Amino acid sequence: MGTVYLGYASPSGVWSRRLFVSGDRLQVKVRAVNTALDWMRRNLNKYCVEDLIQGA
């Protein structure tokens, strides 16, 4: 069992999430990474590609 904190910052704000993940160390790490990538994907889908490129 592990507690993982994720953070996300974008031009519109900053957010954090706390996850409680069961399993061994590797399972906790894999689930944390997958959750973080999914969260990032969902948030990036709110923007147009052109907006992301111009902000770089």
C-alpha atoms as a PDB file:
ATOM      1  CA  MET A   1       0.000   0.000   0.000  1.00  0.00           C
ATOM      2  CA  GLY A   2       1.326   3.412  -0.884  1.00  0.00           C
ATOM      3  CA  THR A   3       0.248   7.031  -0.890  1.00  0.00           C
ATOM      4  CA  VAL A   4       1.313   9.014  -3.939  1.00  0.00           C
ATOM      5  CA  TYR A   5       0.907  12.736  -4.536  1.00  0.00           C
ATOM      6  CA  LEU A   6       0.679  14.084  -8.076  1.00  0.00           C
ATOM      7  CA  GLY A   7       0.938  17.708  -9.142  1.00  0.00           C
ATOM      8  CA  TYR A   8      -0.101  19.437 -12.336  1.00  0.00           C
ATOM      9  CA  ALA A   9       0.486  23.055 -13.368  1.00  0.00           C
ATOM     10  CA  SER A  10      -0.878  24.775 -16.458  1.00  0.00           C
ATOM     11  CA  PRO A  11      -1.524  28.336 -17.595  1.00  0.00           C
ATOM     12  CA  SER A  12      -4.944  28.118 -15.938  1.00  0.00           C
ATOM     13  CA  GLY A  13      -3.819  26.932 -12.506  1.00  0.00           C
ATOM     14  CA  VAL A  14      -2.129  24.403 -10.270  1.00  0.00           C
ATOM     15  CA  TRP A  15      -3.684  21.171  -8.945  1.00  0.00           C
ATOM     16  CA  SER A  16      -2.663  18.236  -6.842  1.00  0.00           C
ATOM     17  CA  ARG A  17      -4.100  14.788  -6.220  1.00  0.00           C
ATOM     18  CA  ARG A  18      -3.508  12.169  -3.583  1.00  0.00           C
ATOM     19  CA  LEU A  19      -3.688   8.514  -4.581  1.00  0.00           C
ATOM     20  CA  PHE A  20      -3.924   5.490  -2.332  1.00  0.00           C
ATOM     21  CA  VAL A  21      -2.492   2.573  -4.277  1.00  0.00           C
ATOM     22  CA  SER A  22      -2.326  -1.042  -3.189  1.00  0.00           C
ATOM     23  CA  GLY A  23       0.301  -3.547  -4.257  1.00  0.00           C
ATOM     24  CA  ASP A  24       4.036  -3.932  -4.017  1.00  0.00           C
ATOM     25  CA  ARG A  25       6.510  -1.132  -4.739  1.00  0.00           C
ATOM     26  CA  LEU A  26       6.624  -1.761  -8.486  1.00  0.00           C
ATOM     27  CA  GLN A  27       2.823  -1.898  -8.786  1.00  0.00           C
ATOM     28  CA  VAL A  28       2.516   1.390  -6.874  1.00  0.00           C
ATOM     29  CA  LYS A  29       5.060   3.049  -9.168  1.00  0.00           C
ATOM     30  CA  VAL A  30       3.404   1.746 -12.340  1.00  0.00           C
ATOM     31  CA  ARG A  31      -0.068   2.823 -11.248  1.00  0.00           C
ATOM     32  CA  ALA A  32       1.225   6.259 -10.196  1.00  0.00           C
ATOM     33  CA  VAL A  33       2.902   6.800 -13.570  1.00  0.00           C
ATOM     34  CA  ASN A  34      -0.150   5.609 -15.511  1.00  0.00           C
ATOM     35  CA  THR A  35      -2.457   7.832 -13.463  1.00  0.00           C
ATOM     36  CA  ALA A  36      -0.181  10.856 -13.911  1.00  0.00           C
ATOM     37  CA  LEU A  37       0.081  10.348 -17.674  1.00  0.00           C
ATOM     38  CA  ASP A  38      -3.676   9.875 -18.007  1.00  0.00           C
ATOM     39  CA  TRP A  39      -4.326  13.018 -15.960  1.00  0.00           C
ATOM     40  CA  MET A  40      -1.884  14.973 -18.134  1.00  0.00           C
ATOM     41  CA  ARG A  41      -3.471  13.623 -21.332  1.00  0.00           C
ATOM     42  CA  ARG A  42      -6.954  14.613 -20.184  1.00  0.00           C
ATOM     43  CA  ASN A  43      -5.819  18.125 -19.294  1.00  0.00           C
ATOM     44  CA  LEU A  44      -3.810  18.649 -22.480  1.00  0.00           C
ATOM     45  CA  ASN A  45      -6.841  17.652 -24.563  1.00  0.00           C
ATOM     46  CA  LYS A  46      -8.475  20.892 -23.394  1.00  0.00           C
ATOM     47  CA  TYR A  47      -5.954  22.930 -25.423  1.00  0.00           C
ATOM     48  CA  CYS A  48      -5.350  23.361 -29.137  1.00  0.00           C
ATOM     49  CA  VAL A  49      -1.944  22.181 -30.311  1.00  0.00           C
ATOM     50  CA  GLU A  50      -1.190  25.665 -31.623  1.00  0.00           C
ATOM     51  CA  ASP A  51      -1.802  27.179 -28.179  1.00  0.00           C
ATOM     52  CA  LEU A  52       0.622  24.736 -26.575  1.00  0.00           C
ATOM     53  CA  ILE A  53       3.325  25.435 -29.173  1.00  0.00           C
ATOM     54  CA  GLN A  54       2.989  29.220 -28.868  1.00  0.00           C
ATOM     55  CA  GLY A  55       3.268  29.001 -25.080  1.00  0.00           C
ATOM     56  CA  ALA A  56       6.635  27.196 -25.261  1.00  0.00           C
END
